[in-house]
C-alpha atoms as a PDB file:
ATOM      1  CA  UNK A   1       0.000   0.000   0.000  1.00  0.00           C
ATOM      2  CA  UNK A   2       1.310   3.474  -0.803  1.00  0.00           C
ATOM      3  CA  UNK A   3       1.695   6.429   1.577  1.00  0.00           C
ATOM      4  CA  UNK A   4      -1.557   8.110   0.527  1.00  0.00           C
ATOM      5  CA  UNK A   5      -5.091   6.993   1.089  1.00  0.00           C
ATOM      6  CA  UNK A   6      -6.670   6.071  -2.235  1.00  0.00           C
ATOM      7  CA  UNK A   7      -9.850   8.059  -1.538  1.00  0.00           C
ATOM      8  CA  UNK A   8      -7.797  11.203  -0.784  1.00  0.00           C
ATOM      9  CA  UNK A   9      -5.999  10.893  -4.104  1.00  0.00           C
ATOM     10  CA  UNK A  10      -9.120  10.386  -6.207  1.00  0.00           C
ATOM     11  CA  UNK A  11     -11.446  12.708  -4.273  1.00  0.00           C
ATOM     12  CA  UNK A  12     -10.065  16.233  -4.574  1.00  0.00           C
ATOM     13  CA  UNK A  13     -11.358  18.966  -2.338  1.00  0.00           C
ATOM     14  CA  UNK A  14     -14.802  19.985  -3.576  1.00  0.00           C
ATOM     15  CA  UNK A  15     -15.000  23.149  -5.594  1.00  0.00           C
ATOM     16  CA  UNK A  16     -17.417  25.917  -4.702  1.00  0.00           C
ATOM     17  CA  UNK A  17     -20.058  26.947  -7.231  1.00  0.00           C
ATOM     18  CA  UNK A  18     -18.297  30.286  -7.595  1.00  0.00           C
ATOM     19  CA  UNK A  19     -14.947  28.607  -8.337  1.00  0.00           C
ATOM     20  CA  UNK A  20     -16.662  26.322 -10.835  1.00  0.00           C
ATOM     21  CA  UNK A  21     -18.312  29.340 -12.508  1.00  0.00           C
ATOM     22  CA  UNK A  22     -14.969  31.118 -12.778  1.00  0.00           C
ATOM     23  CA  UNK A  23     -13.384  28.033 -14.381  1.00  0.00           C
ATOM     24  CA  UNK A  24     -16.234  27.973 -16.924  1.00  0.00           C
ATOM     25  CA  UNK A  25     -15.653  31.654 -17.652  1.00  0.00           C
ATOM     26  CA  UNK A  26     -11.915  31.062 -18.047  1.00  0.00           C
ATOM     27  CA  UNK A  27     -12.558  28.198 -20.485  1.00  0.00           C
ATOM     28  CA  UNK A  28     -14.800  30.480 -22.534  1.00  0.00           C
ATOM     29  CA  UNK A  29     -12.159  33.227 -22.584  1.00  0.00           C
ATOM     30  CA  UNK A  30      -9.509  30.747 -23.727  1.00  0.00           C
ATOM     31  CA  UNK A  31     -11.713  29.221 -26.420  1.00  0.00           C
ATOM     32  CA  UNK A  32     -13.768  26.105 -25.873  1.00  0.00           C
ATOM     33  CA  UNK A  33     -15.124  23.763 -28.567  1.00  0.00           C
ATOM     34  CA  UNK A  34     -17.972  22.866 -26.232  1.00  0.00           C
ATOM     35  CA  UNK A  35     -18.813  26.501 -25.556  1.00  0.00           C
ATOM     36  CA  UNK A  36     -22.558  25.868 -25.744  1.00  0.00           C
ATOM     37  CA  UNK A  37     -22.393  23.361 -22.888  1.00  0.00           C
ATOM     38  CA  UNK A  38     -19.964  25.514 -20.910  1.00  0.00           C
ATOM     39  CA  UNK A  39     -22.258  28.539 -21.233  1.00  0.00           C
ATOM     40  CA  UNK A  40     -25.254  26.513 -20.070  1.00  0.00           C
ATOM     41  CA  UNK A  41     -23.278  25.238 -17.062  1.00  0.00           C
ATOM     42  CA  UNK A  42     -22.071  28.758 -16.230  1.00  0.00           C
ATOM     43  CA  UNK A  43     -25.572  30.228 -16.415  1.00  0.00           C
ATOM     44  CA  UNK A  44     -26.954  27.399 -14.267  1.00  0.00           C
ATOM     45  CA  UNK A  45     -24.285  28.037 -11.630  1.00  0.00           C
ATOM     46  CA  UNK A  46     -24.948  31.779 -11.650  1.00  0.00           C
ATOM     47  CA  UNK A  47     -28.683  31.225 -11.276  1.00  0.00           C
ATOM     48  CA  UNK A  48     -28.065  28.847  -8.373  1.00  0.00           C
ATOM     49  CA  UNK A  49     -25.933  31.511  -6.661  1.00  0.00           C
ATOM     50  CA  UNK A  50     -28.326  34.358  -7.486  1.00  0.00           C
ATOM     51  CA  UNK A  51     -25.700  36.137  -9.585  1.00  0.00           C
ATOM     52  CA  UNK A  52     -25.668  37.622 -13.072  1.00  0.00           C
ATOM     53  CA  UNK A  53     -22.953  37.655 -15.726  1.00  0.00           C
ATOM     54  CA  UNK A  54     -22.198  41.257 -14.742  1.00  0.00           C
ATOM     55  CA  UNK A  55     -21.376  40.108 -11.200  1.00  0.00           C
ATOM     56  CA  UNK A  56     -18.479  37.999 -12.486  1.00  0.00           C
ATOM     57  CA  UNK A  57     -17.208  40.547 -14.994  1.00  0.00           C
ATOM     58  CA  UNK A  58     -18.908  39.170 -18.100  1.00  0.00           C
ATOM     59  CA  UNK A  59     -21.841  39.984 -20.368  1.00  0.00           C
ATOM     60  CA  UNK A  60     -24.349  38.554 -22.847  1.00  0.00           C
ATOM     61  CA  UNK A  61     -22.189  39.887 -25.678  1.00  0.00           C
ATOM     62  CA  UNK A  62     -19.167  38.029 -24.329  1.00  0.00           C
ATOM     63  CA  UNK A  63     -21.202  34.799 -24.104  1.00  0.00           C
ATOM     64  CA  UNK A  64     -22.371  35.224 -27.701  1.00  0.00           C
ATOM     65  CA  UNK A  65     -18.804  35.841 -28.852  1.00  0.00           C
ATOM     66  CA  UNK A  66     -17.575  32.782 -26.946  1.00  0.00           C
ATOM     67  CA  UNK A  67     -20.354  30.656 -28.432  1.00  0.00           C
ATOM     68  CA  UNK A  68     -19.508  31.610 -32.014  1.00  0.00           C
ATOM     69  CA  UNK A  69     -15.771  31.222 -31.424  1.00  0.00           C
ATOM     70  CA  UNK A  70     -16.439  27.762 -29.982  1.00  0.00           C
ATOM     71  CA  UNK A  71     -18.590  26.669 -32.921  1.00  0.00           C
ATOM     72  CA  UNK A  72     -15.852  27.745 -35.323  1.00  0.00           C
ATOM     73  CA  UNK A  73     -13.272  25.769 -33.349  1.00  0.00           C
ATOM     74  CA  UNK A  74     -15.531  22.716 -33.353  1.00  0.00           C
ATOM     75  CA  UNK A  75     -16.294  23.099 -37.068  1.00  0.00           C
ATOM     76  CA  UNK A  76     -12.555  23.200 -37.854  1.00  0.00           C
ATOM     77  CA  UNK A  77     -12.045  20.035 -35.809  1.00  0.00           C
ATOM     78  CA  UNK A  78     -14.898  18.247 -37.597  1.00  0.00           C
ATOM     79  CA  UNK A  79     -13.592  19.443 -40.978  1.00  0.00           C
ATOM     80  CA  UNK A  80     -10.225  17.817 -40.216  1.00  0.00           C
ATOM     81  CA  UNK A  81     -12.064  14.637 -39.260  1.00  0.00           C
ATOM     82  CA  UNK A  82     -14.100  14.689 -42.481  1.00  0.00           C
ATOM     83  CA  UNK A  83     -10.905  15.136 -44.463  1.00  0.00           C
ATOM     84  CA  UNK A  84      -9.365  12.175 -42.620  1.00  0.00           C
ATOM     85  CA  UNK A  85     -12.366   9.827 -42.800  1.00  0.00           C
ATOM     86  CA  UNK A  86     -10.646   7.613 -45.358  1.00  0.00           C
ATOM     87  CA  UNK A  87     -12.750   5.060 -47.232  1.00  0.00           C
ATOM     88  CA  UNK A  88     -15.213   4.421 -44.408  1.00  0.00           C
ATOM     89  CA  UNK A  89     -18.572   5.744 -45.633  1.00  0.00           C
ATOM     90  CA  UNK A  90     -20.264   5.538 -42.222  1.00  0.00           C
ATOM     91  CA  UNK A  91     -17.409   7.417 -40.585  1.00  0.00           C
ATOM     92  CA  UNK A  92     -17.549  10.046 -43.319  1.00  0.00           C
ATOM     93  CA  UNK A  93     -21.334  10.472 -42.965  1.00  0.00           C
ATOM     94  CA  UNK A  94     -21.162  10.878 -39.187  1.00  0.00           C
ATOM     95  CA  UNK A  95     -18.307  13.378 -39.357  1.00  0.00           C
ATOM     96  CA  UNK A  96     -19.973  15.280 -42.193  1.00  0.00           C
ATOM     97  CA  UNK A  97     -23.194  15.496 -40.174  1.00  0.00           C
ATOM     98  CA  UNK A  98     -21.347  16.823 -37.088  1.00  0.00           C
ATOM     99  CA  UNK A  99     -19.427  19.312 -39.232  1.00  0.00           C
ATOM    100  CA  UNK A 100     -22.602  20.722 -40.780  1.00  0.00           C
ATOM    101  CA  UNK A 101     -24.273  20.906 -37.334  1.00  0.00           C
ATOM    102  CA  UNK A 102     -21.485  23.215 -36.136  1.00  0.00           C
ATOM    103  CA  UNK A 103     -21.614  25.226 -39.360  1.00  0.00           C
ATOM    104  CA  UNK A 104     -25.360  25.711 -38.905  1.00  0.00           C
ATOM    105  CA  UNK A 105     -25.141  26.480 -35.173  1.00  0.00           C
ATOM    106  CA  UNK A 106     -22.480  29.108 -35.727  1.00  0.00           C
ATOM    107  CA  UNK A 107     -23.945  30.508 -38.964  1.00  0.00           C
ATOM    108  CA  UNK A 108     -20.522  29.901 -40.506  1.00  0.00           C
ATOM    109  CA  UNK A 109     -19.767  30.475 -44.167  1.00  0.00           C
ATOM    110  CA  UNK A 110     -17.759  27.523 -45.477  1.00  0.00           C
ATOM    111  CA  UNK A 111     -15.237  29.882 -47.056  1.00  0.00           C
ATOM    112  CA  UNK A 112     -14.331  31.092 -43.521  1.00  0.00           C
ATOM    113  CA  UNK A 113     -13.107  27.550 -42.900  1.00  0.00           C
ATOM    114  CA  UNK A 114     -11.282  27.277 -46.205  1.00  0.00           C
ATOM    115  CA  UNK A 115     -13.653  24.724 -47.690  1.00  0.00           C
ATOM    116  CA  UNK A 116     -16.731  24.379 -49.868  1.00  0.00           C
ATOM    117  CA  UNK A 117     -19.662  22.011 -50.330  1.00  0.00           C
ATOM    118  CA  UNK A 118     -17.858  20.681 -53.402  1.00  0.00           C
ATOM    119  CA  UNK A 119     -14.797  19.734 -51.340  1.00  0.00           C
ATOM    120  CA  UNK A 120     -16.908  18.055 -48.656  1.00  0.00           C
ATOM    121  CA  UNK A 121     -18.792  16.016 -51.263  1.00  0.00           C
ATOM    122  CA  UNK A 122     -15.577  15.146 -53.108  1.00  0.00           C
ATOM    123  CA  UNK A 123     -14.340  13.494 -49.900  1.00  0.00           C
ATOM    124  CA  UNK A 124     -17.312  11.086 -49.819  1.00  0.00           C
ATOM    125  CA  UNK A 125     -16.024   7.521 -50.145  1.00  0.00           C
ATOM    126  CA  UNK A 126     -17.444   5.545 -53.024  1.00  0.00           C
ATOM    127  CA  UNK A 127     -19.935   2.868 -52.044  1.00  0.00           C
ATOM    128  CA  UNK A 128     -19.410  -0.718 -53.223  1.00  0.00           C
ATOM    129  CA  UNK A 129     -22.143  -0.243 -55.862  1.00  0.00           C
ATOM    130  CA  UNK A 130     -20.445   2.895 -57.240  1.00  0.00           C
ATOM    131  CA  UNK A 131     -17.085   1.103 -57.435  1.00  0.00           C
ATOM    132  CA  UNK A 132     -18.627  -1.765 -59.446  1.00  0.00           C
ATOM    133  CA  UNK A 133     -20.305   0.595 -61.936  1.00  0.00           C
ATOM    134  CA  UNK A 134     -17.148   2.596 -62.590  1.00  0.00           C
ATOM    135  CA  UNK A 135     -15.368   1.643 -65.838  1.00  0.00           C
END
């Protein structure tokens, strides 16, 4: 047995709601691909504490900016995954779907991401039927 108690090692000191809220805010300032979930968590914590964004030095405009920055980060990640889907049609379809969800959520123009619908469709793996028909 080691010198520490296992439960002490795996059970860190609980964080206060205020500390948790400030970590959420920090993540949003730094850029967070899951900004929508982080914003929801932050707002829930503030409501629980009876505070507003203003009370922690933030604003609705900052939350909106963080949300759109996060969707762009997530869209870029999904674009890389679409580009790296290989010949797996199911993988491509799932990644393509997630990519377009982020594009829609963030009202992103594909040119902002350096891509186009034509590129995305050109990455679609050929199905077995398409391969057999090809000359």
